[in-house]
Protein backbone atom coordinates (compact mmCIF):
# COMPACT_ATOMS: atom_id res chain seq x y z
CA MET A 1 84.72 68.92 124.32
CA LEU A 2 84.98 70.88 121.05
CA ARG A 3 86.64 69.23 118.09
CA TRP A 4 88.50 71.97 116.24
CA GLY A 5 90.42 71.20 113.07
CA LEU A 6 92.59 73.41 110.88
CA ALA A 7 91.53 72.52 107.36
CA VAL A 8 93.80 74.72 105.24
CA ALA A 9 96.48 77.25 106.10
CA TRP A 10 94.73 80.10 104.32
CA VAL A 11 94.57 83.59 105.82
CA LEU A 12 91.37 85.61 105.48
CA VAL A 13 91.80 88.91 103.67
CA LEU A 14 90.84 91.78 105.97
CA ALA A 15 90.29 94.43 103.28
CA CYS A 16 86.73 95.38 104.15
CA GLY A 17 84.88 96.64 101.12
CA THR A 18 87.83 96.78 98.74
CA ARG A 19 85.86 95.34 95.85
CA VAL A 20 82.60 97.20 96.41
CA ASP A 21 81.49 99.38 93.54
CA GLU A 22 79.80 102.77 93.83
CA PRO A 23 76.53 102.27 95.72
CA GLN A 24 73.21 102.62 93.95
CA GLY A 25 69.81 103.42 95.46
CA VAL A 26 69.94 104.01 99.22
CA THR A 27 73.13 105.81 100.20
CA ARG A 28 74.39 108.07 102.93
CA THR A 29 77.41 110.23 103.64
CA SER A 30 79.07 109.53 106.98
CA GLY A 31 81.44 111.79 108.86
CA ALA A 32 82.31 115.40 108.19
CA VAL A 33 82.89 115.15 104.47
CA PRO A 34 81.74 117.26 101.49
CA ALA A 35 78.20 116.54 100.38
CA ALA A 36 76.93 116.49 96.83
CA ASP A 37 75.57 120.03 97.08
CA GLY A 38 78.86 121.45 98.39
CA GLY A 39 77.82 121.45 102.04
CA ILE A 40 79.00 119.23 104.87
CA ASP A 41 77.03 116.14 105.88
CA ALA A 42 77.91 114.98 109.40
CA GLY A 43 74.49 114.26 110.81
CA THR A 44 72.23 111.44 111.87
CA ALA A 45 69.78 110.21 109.26
CA SER A 46 66.09 111.08 109.51
CA CYS A 47 63.05 110.77 107.31
CA THR A 48 61.34 113.74 105.73
CA THR A 49 58.85 112.60 103.11
CA PRO A 50 58.16 108.94 102.31
CA GLY A 51 60.93 107.44 100.24
CA LYS A 52 63.55 110.02 101.19
CA LEU A 53 66.41 109.62 103.62
CA VAL A 54 68.26 112.80 104.57
CA ALA A 55 70.83 113.96 107.09
CA SER A 56 69.29 116.14 109.80
CA ALA A 57 72.54 117.89 110.79
CA GLY A 58 75.07 119.76 108.69
CA SER A 59 73.75 120.80 105.32
CA GLY A 60 70.83 118.36 105.43
CA SER A 61 71.84 117.13 101.99
CA PRO A 62 69.80 114.17 100.75
CA CYS A 63 71.54 110.84 100.78
CA GLY A 64 68.62 109.38 98.98
CA MET A 65 66.30 106.43 98.63
CA LYS A 66 65.34 106.44 94.98
CA PRO A 67 61.77 105.55 93.92
CA VAL A 68 63.33 102.60 92.08
CA LEU A 69 66.64 100.90 92.73
CA GLY A 70 67.77 100.92 89.12
CA ALA A 71 69.00 98.08 86.96
CA PRO A 72 70.67 95.34 89.02
CA ARG A 73 73.55 93.12 88.15
CA THR A 74 72.58 89.49 87.74
CA VAL A 75 74.28 86.12 88.13
CA LYS A 76 72.94 82.61 87.62
CA ALA A 77 74.03 79.82 89.88
CA PRO A 78 75.03 76.69 87.96
CA LEU A 79 72.77 73.73 88.61
CA ASN A 80 73.56 70.01 88.23
CA LEU A 81 76.77 70.47 90.21
CA GLY A 82 77.64 66.85 90.96
CA THR A 83 74.12 65.68 90.09
CA PRO A 84 74.09 64.71 86.40
CA ASP A 85 70.62 63.23 86.79
CA GLY A 86 69.24 66.79 87.03
CA THR A 87 67.90 66.55 90.58
CA GLU A 88 69.57 69.73 91.81
CA SER A 89 67.35 72.70 92.66
CA CYS A 90 67.85 76.29 93.76
CA GLY A 91 68.21 76.88 97.50
CA PHE A 92 68.60 80.29 99.19
CA ILE A 93 70.39 83.60 98.73
CA GLY A 94 72.96 84.34 101.42
CA PRO A 95 74.19 87.73 102.68
CA SER A 96 77.12 89.40 100.94
CA ASP A 97 80.45 89.59 102.71
CA GLY A 98 82.31 92.82 103.48
CA ALA A 99 83.87 92.89 100.01
CA GLY A 100 80.52 92.62 98.21
CA ASP A 101 80.81 88.94 97.29
CA ILE A 102 77.47 87.10 97.24
CA ILE A 103 76.67 83.47 97.98
CA ILE A 104 73.90 81.25 96.59
CA GLU A 105 73.00 77.83 97.94
CA THR A 106 71.78 75.09 95.62
CA GLU A 107 70.30 71.83 96.83
CA LEU A 108 71.57 68.53 95.50
CA ALA A 109 69.73 65.22 95.64
CA THR A 110 67.34 64.68 98.56
CA LEU A 111 68.92 62.70 101.37
CA ALA A 112 67.36 59.62 102.89
CA HIS A 113 66.51 61.45 106.15
CA GLY A 114 64.55 64.14 104.28
CA GLY A 115 67.19 66.87 104.14
CA PHE A 116 69.24 68.09 101.19
CA ARG A 117 72.90 67.82 100.41
CA ILE A 118 73.93 71.30 99.39
CA ALA A 119 76.37 73.18 97.19
CA LEU A 120 77.56 76.76 97.77
CA ASN A 121 78.27 79.16 94.90
CA ALA A 122 80.11 82.50 95.36
CA PHE A 123 80.31 85.48 93.01
CA ASP A 124 82.16 88.79 93.34
CA SER A 125 80.54 92.23 93.17
CA GLY A 126 81.04 92.28 89.41
CA GLY A 127 79.23 88.98 88.90
CA ALA A 128 82.28 86.76 88.25
CA LEU A 129 82.21 83.27 89.71
CA LEU A 130 84.66 83.05 92.64
CA GLY A 131 84.21 79.38 93.41
CA GLN A 132 81.97 76.51 94.39
CA ALA A 133 81.95 74.02 97.24
CA GLU A 134 80.05 70.88 98.13
CA PRO A 135 80.39 70.69 101.92
CA ASP A 136 79.12 67.56 103.59
CA LEU A 137 76.05 69.40 104.81
CA SER A 138 72.30 68.84 104.70
CA GLY A 139 71.50 72.49 105.48
CA ALA A 140 73.38 75.72 106.11
CA VAL A 141 73.24 79.31 107.38
CA ALA A 142 75.85 81.72 106.00
CA ILE A 143 77.15 84.49 108.30
CA PRO A 144 79.13 87.14 106.35
CA LEU A 145 82.69 88.02 107.30
CA ARG A 146 84.76 90.94 106.05
CA SER A 147 86.01 88.47 103.48
CA GLY A 148 84.23 85.14 103.10
CA TRP A 149 81.62 83.43 105.26
CA LEU A 150 81.10 81.52 108.48
CA VAL A 151 78.81 78.62 107.58
CA GLU A 152 76.71 76.91 110.21
CA GLY A 153 75.53 73.59 108.88
CA SER A 154 73.87 70.31 109.69
CA LEU A 155 76.34 67.61 108.81
CA VAL A 156 75.38 64.27 107.34
CA SER A 157 77.72 62.83 110.02
CA PRO A 158 78.35 64.17 112.69
CA PRO A 159 75.23 66.33 113.10
CA ASN A 160 76.46 69.95 113.26
CA SER A 161 79.42 72.08 112.18
CA ILE A 162 80.85 75.59 111.94
CA SER A 163 83.25 76.30 109.08
CA LEU A 164 85.11 79.46 108.04
CA TYR A 165 85.24 79.78 104.24
CA PRO A 166 87.26 82.18 102.07
CA PRO A 167 85.46 83.93 99.16
CA SER A 168 86.75 81.29 96.74
CA LEU A 169 84.99 78.59 98.80
CA ARG A 170 88.10 76.49 98.73
CA ALA A 171 88.42 74.06 101.63
CA PRO A 172 87.42 75.78 104.87
CA VAL A 173 90.08 77.71 106.72
CA GLU A 174 88.95 76.24 110.02
CA SER A 175 86.05 74.12 111.22
CA PHE A 176 84.65 72.46 114.30
CA SER A 177 81.71 70.24 115.07
CA ALA A 178 79.58 69.42 118.09
CA ASP A 179 76.31 67.83 119.07
CA ARG A 180 74.39 71.10 119.05
CA VAL A 181 75.39 74.54 117.74
CA ALA A 182 73.63 77.93 117.78
CA VAL A 183 74.89 81.00 115.88
CA THR A 184 73.82 84.62 116.08
CA SER A 185 72.86 86.81 113.24
CA TRP A 186 75.82 89.06 112.49
CA THR A 187 76.30 92.67 113.51
CA PRO A 188 76.95 95.66 111.19
CA GLY A 189 80.71 95.58 111.72
CA GLY A 190 80.78 91.81 111.35
CA GLY A 191 81.18 89.12 113.96
CA ALA A 192 79.18 86.21 115.33
CA ALA A 193 78.77 84.25 118.54
CA VAL A 194 78.60 80.46 118.70
CA VAL A 195 77.19 78.37 121.52
CA VAL A 196 78.09 74.68 121.52
CA VAL A 197 76.11 72.27 123.69
CA VAL A 198 78.01 69.32 125.16
CA PRO A 199 75.99 66.48 126.75
CA PHE A 200 77.28 64.15 129.49
CA ASP A 201 79.96 66.60 130.63
CA ALA A 202 81.27 66.02 134.15
CA SER A 203 80.61 69.67 135.08
CA CYS A 204 76.89 69.25 134.23
CA PRO A 205 76.18 65.59 135.00
CA HIS A 206 72.40 65.81 134.69
CA SER A 207 72.13 68.51 132.04
CA PHE A 208 74.02 70.05 129.12
CA HIS A 209 77.18 72.15 129.31
CA LEU A 210 77.13 75.35 127.22
CA PHE A 211 80.35 76.80 125.76
CA ALA A 212 80.58 80.14 123.94
CA THR A 213 82.93 81.40 121.23
CA SER A 214 82.89 84.92 119.77
CA PHE A 215 84.30 85.83 116.35
CA ASP A 216 85.05 89.30 115.09
CA GLY A 217 84.37 90.31 111.48
CA SER A 218 87.66 88.87 110.26
CA ALA A 219 86.81 85.48 111.80
CA ALA A 220 89.45 85.82 114.53
CA ALA A 221 88.22 84.33 117.79
CA VAL A 222 87.78 87.11 120.36
CA PHE A 223 87.31 84.41 122.98
CA ARG A 224 86.96 80.68 122.48
CA ASP A 225 85.34 77.77 124.34
CA VAL A 226 84.34 79.83 127.39
CA SER A 227 82.29 77.76 129.83
CA VAL A 228 78.94 79.52 130.24
CA GLY A 229 76.89 77.19 132.43
CA CYS A 230 74.51 74.25 132.50
CA GLY A 231 71.30 74.20 130.47
CA LEU A 232 68.25 71.98 130.57
CA SER A 233 68.42 70.59 127.03
CA GLU A 234 70.44 70.50 123.84
CA GLY A 235 67.71 72.46 122.05
CA GLY A 236 65.95 75.76 122.70
CA ASN A 237 69.10 77.73 123.50
CA THR A 238 69.67 81.11 121.89
CA VAL A 239 72.57 83.51 121.62
CA GLY A 240 72.97 87.15 120.58
CA ARG A 241 76.02 89.34 119.92
CA ASN A 242 75.85 93.13 119.70
CA ALA A 243 78.15 95.46 117.79
CA ALA A 244 80.31 96.03 120.89
CA GLY A 245 81.03 92.30 121.18
CA ASP A 246 78.85 91.57 124.22
CA VAL A 247 77.28 88.10 124.05
CA LEU A 248 73.99 87.15 125.68
CA VAL A 249 73.03 83.47 126.07
CA VAL A 250 69.51 82.36 127.09
CA ALA A 251 68.66 78.72 127.81
CA PRO A 252 65.73 76.70 129.16
CA GLY A 253 66.00 76.26 132.91
CA PHE A 254 64.99 73.76 135.58
CA GLY A 255 61.52 74.60 136.86
CA ALA A 256 62.53 77.97 138.32
CA GLY A 257 62.49 79.57 134.87
CA ASP A 258 64.90 80.16 132.07
CA LEU A 259 68.60 80.92 132.49
CA ALA A 260 70.71 83.70 131.01
CA TRP A 261 74.37 84.71 130.96
CA HIS A 262 76.30 87.75 129.79
CA VAL A 263 79.77 87.18 128.33
CA THR A 264 81.81 90.37 128.06
CA PRO A 265 83.96 91.05 124.96
CA ASP A 266 86.98 89.75 126.91
CA GLY A 267 85.24 86.49 127.85
CA ILE A 268 84.10 87.16 131.45
CA VAL A 269 80.87 85.29 132.26
CA SER A 270 78.15 86.37 134.70
CA GLN A 271 74.65 85.01 135.19
CA VAL A 272 71.90 87.58 134.70
CA PRO A 273 68.10 87.59 135.10
CA PRO A 274 66.58 86.02 131.98
CA SER A 275 63.67 86.65 129.66
CA PRO A 276 61.76 83.75 128.09
CA VAL A 277 63.80 81.97 125.43
CA GLY A 278 63.39 83.46 121.98
CA SER A 279 65.57 84.69 119.13
CA LEU A 280 67.83 87.64 119.99
CA TYR A 281 68.21 90.47 117.45
CA PRO A 282 70.80 93.17 118.20
CA LEU A 283 69.47 96.72 118.38
CA ILE A 284 71.37 99.88 117.45
CA ASP A 285 71.73 100.89 121.12
CA GLY A 286 73.44 97.59 122.05
CA ARG A 287 70.39 95.89 123.57
CA PHE A 288 68.53 92.92 122.06
CA ALA A 289 64.96 92.46 120.86
CA ASN A 290 63.67 89.04 121.95
CA HIS A 291 61.40 87.30 119.43
CA SER A 292 59.26 84.20 119.86
CA PRO A 293 58.30 82.30 116.68
CA PHE A 294 54.86 81.55 118.14
CA SER A 295 51.86 83.88 118.08
CA SER A 296 48.29 84.08 116.82
CA THR A 297 49.45 86.21 113.86
CA GLY A 298 51.76 83.51 112.54
CA ALA A 299 54.68 85.92 112.36
CA GLY A 300 55.70 85.33 115.96
CA ALA A 301 55.74 87.92 118.73
CA TRP A 302 58.28 90.39 120.09
CA LEU A 303 58.48 89.45 123.76
CA SER A 304 60.75 92.07 125.26
CA THR A 305 63.96 94.06 125.07
CA LEU A 306 67.00 92.74 126.95
CA ASP A 307 70.18 94.53 127.90
CA VAL A 308 73.47 92.77 128.65
CA ASP A 309 72.69 92.85 132.40
CA GLY A 310 69.45 90.95 131.86
CA ASN A 311 67.21 93.95 132.48
CA VAL A 312 63.87 93.46 130.74
CA SER A 313 61.79 96.20 129.14
CA PRO A 314 59.00 96.23 126.55
CA PRO A 315 59.96 95.72 122.91
CA PRO A 316 60.71 98.91 120.94
CA CYS A 317 57.57 100.75 119.90
CA TRP A 318 58.34 100.41 116.20
CA LEU A 319 58.43 96.62 116.60
CA ALA A 320 55.41 96.41 118.89
CA SER A 321 53.38 98.33 116.30
CA ARG A 322 54.42 95.92 113.52
CA PRO A 323 53.29 92.44 114.63
CA ASP A 324 53.92 91.06 111.15
CA VAL A 325 57.66 91.80 111.32
CA PHE A 326 59.42 88.47 111.91
CA ALA A 327 63.05 89.65 111.62
CA PHE A 328 65.16 92.77 111.09
CA GLN A 329 68.77 93.85 110.70
CA ILE A 330 70.79 97.02 111.24
CA VAL A 331 71.70 98.90 108.06
CA LEU A 332 73.10 102.26 106.91
CA GLY A 333 76.01 102.17 109.32
CA GLY A 334 73.82 101.86 112.40
CA GLN A 335 71.29 104.56 111.50
CA ALA A 336 68.35 102.39 110.47
CA TYR A 337 66.74 98.96 110.50
CA LEU A 338 65.53 96.89 107.57
CA ALA A 339 62.39 95.16 108.86
CA TYR A 340 61.07 92.06 107.11
CA HIS A 341 57.32 91.45 107.02
CA LEU A 342 55.23 88.30 106.72
CA SER A 343 51.58 88.21 105.76
CA SER A 344 49.76 87.38 108.99
CA ALA A 345 46.40 86.77 107.34
CA ALA A 346 47.02 83.03 107.08
CA LEU A 347 48.46 80.30 109.28
CA PRO A 348 51.09 79.25 108.58
CA PRO A 349 52.19 82.73 107.43
CA VAL A 350 52.89 83.25 103.76
CA PRO A 351 55.37 85.62 102.07
CA GLN A 352 54.33 89.22 101.63
CA PRO A 353 54.16 90.72 98.14
CA CYS A 354 57.63 91.98 97.30
CA ASP A 355 56.57 95.64 97.48
CA ARG A 356 55.54 95.09 101.14
CA PHE A 357 58.34 92.84 102.36
CA ALA A 358 61.31 95.01 103.36
CA GLU A 359 60.64 98.30 105.20
CA LEU A 360 63.34 100.83 106.06
CA VAL A 361 62.81 102.13 109.62
CA LEU A 362 65.04 104.71 111.30
CA SER A 363 66.33 104.19 114.83
CA ASP A 364 63.67 106.57 116.19
CA GLY A 365 60.91 104.45 114.60
CA THR A 366 60.21 106.69 111.60
CA SER A 367 59.36 104.72 108.48
CA CYS A 368 61.08 105.56 105.22
CA GLY A 369 58.76 103.24 103.31
CA PHE A 370 59.14 99.89 101.62
CA ILE A 371 62.02 98.98 99.34
CA PRO A 372 60.86 98.37 95.73
CA LEU A 373 62.23 94.83 95.37
CA THR A 374 62.48 93.10 92.02
CA GLY A 375 64.02 89.86 90.80
CA ALA A 376 62.09 87.46 93.05
CA GLN A 377 58.72 85.83 92.41
CA GLN A 378 58.06 85.65 96.16
CA CYS A 379 59.92 87.60 98.82
CA SER A 380 60.95 85.71 101.94
CA SER A 381 64.00 85.11 104.12
CA THR A 382 65.33 82.70 101.48
CA THR A 383 64.95 85.03 98.49
CA VAL A 384 65.96 88.46 99.88
CA SER A 385 69.23 89.29 101.62
CA VAL A 386 71.28 92.34 102.63
CA GLY A 387 74.89 91.67 103.48
CA LEU A 388 77.74 93.08 105.49
CA ASP A 389 78.69 95.67 102.85
CA GLY A 390 75.04 96.71 102.33
CA THR A 391 74.51 94.83 99.06
CA LEU A 392 70.85 93.99 98.45
CA THR A 393 70.28 90.66 96.69
CA THR A 394 67.10 88.95 95.53
CA LEU A 395 66.76 85.44 94.09
CA ASP A 396 64.48 83.97 91.44
CA THR A 397 64.42 80.36 92.60
CA GLY A 398 62.83 79.21 89.34
CA THR A 399 65.96 80.04 87.35
CA CYS A 400 68.40 80.38 90.31
CA THR A 401 69.23 83.88 89.07
CA ALA A 402 70.28 86.49 91.64
CA SER A 403 69.73 90.22 91.13
CA PHE A 404 72.00 92.41 93.25
CA TRP A 405 72.57 96.10 93.91
CA PRO A 406 76.08 96.62 95.34
CA GLY A 407 76.29 98.65 98.54
CA VAL A 408 72.79 100.17 98.51
CA PHE A 409 72.46 99.90 102.31
CA ARG A 410 76.08 100.65 103.16
């Protein structure tokens, strides 16, 4: 079944946010604590005028989105790592971990099958280089942990892997590989769910056996290798994990429609009524927004909202009214979403101008306006990132220079 291997006996540091500097730009005060004006801020965030985020309870003291974010810190990823012929190029910017460390991918020489062999570069919140790694990958997705990253990658051989890396990017703490792997986007407190697809399993002789693993923010396995059920194919499966640790798996079915399962935080599996297969994005209330990448706009379409029992309802109004939003994440401690826009005027869709790419939307659908991004020539999912500690990072792929604002969405 799964092939787990302990790579190095290295323990992940669980000090969430210990190296994060004073936030700039968008901030909030949580809990019943003194506010800047001497009052008490204990309330839920709400928008007043465009570009301002305030607390509606307590003193109502502003916790502020500035008209500009201020001067960022910058780091430049080293190129030509292992490629003295100069064929290395800049890849993507990854989300920061819970301690404010950032990660930049660079692409080494093109592989024979058309992919890239990659290098990973990590920097701390002060801009110091933490370490570099050249995993045997041709592509990767970095999921932030409280300290370090969970990296989903396509291996040169075998085809797929999951590895848990410390901030230094020394050899992975733990890794496993399988024929097909799907990973969720992470939740505000950290954590991810992994679905591994195993073909030719005796329990699913004419289909594919799905197994689920759930990690918390420290990369400890909440449950591991839980048998979910049998799916139609190795591709097209999707998985979502909400902040409470509930996991929802949706897979193509056998003529009667798609299949779906709910896995509780303690690993109990039940089959639930499904929605069409799409990408699952956790919502603040614990449900999931289901997104299809296909639509006439080019940005995809929001199909529905799913709860952990499989109940289907229309997508949230704020998403339905923004057909050019292709992805979003929860920010500001669960009080708001950062919605990412594509230009739907052309097919395939093209990046939006950077002043119309990332919109801050409160949980009630109120817009706080667009974030004034700088440091990227084009804004897209590869050049803009907000991490687990709320650090906003943009990437100039021409120079492989990252601009970052520590903790602005914390």
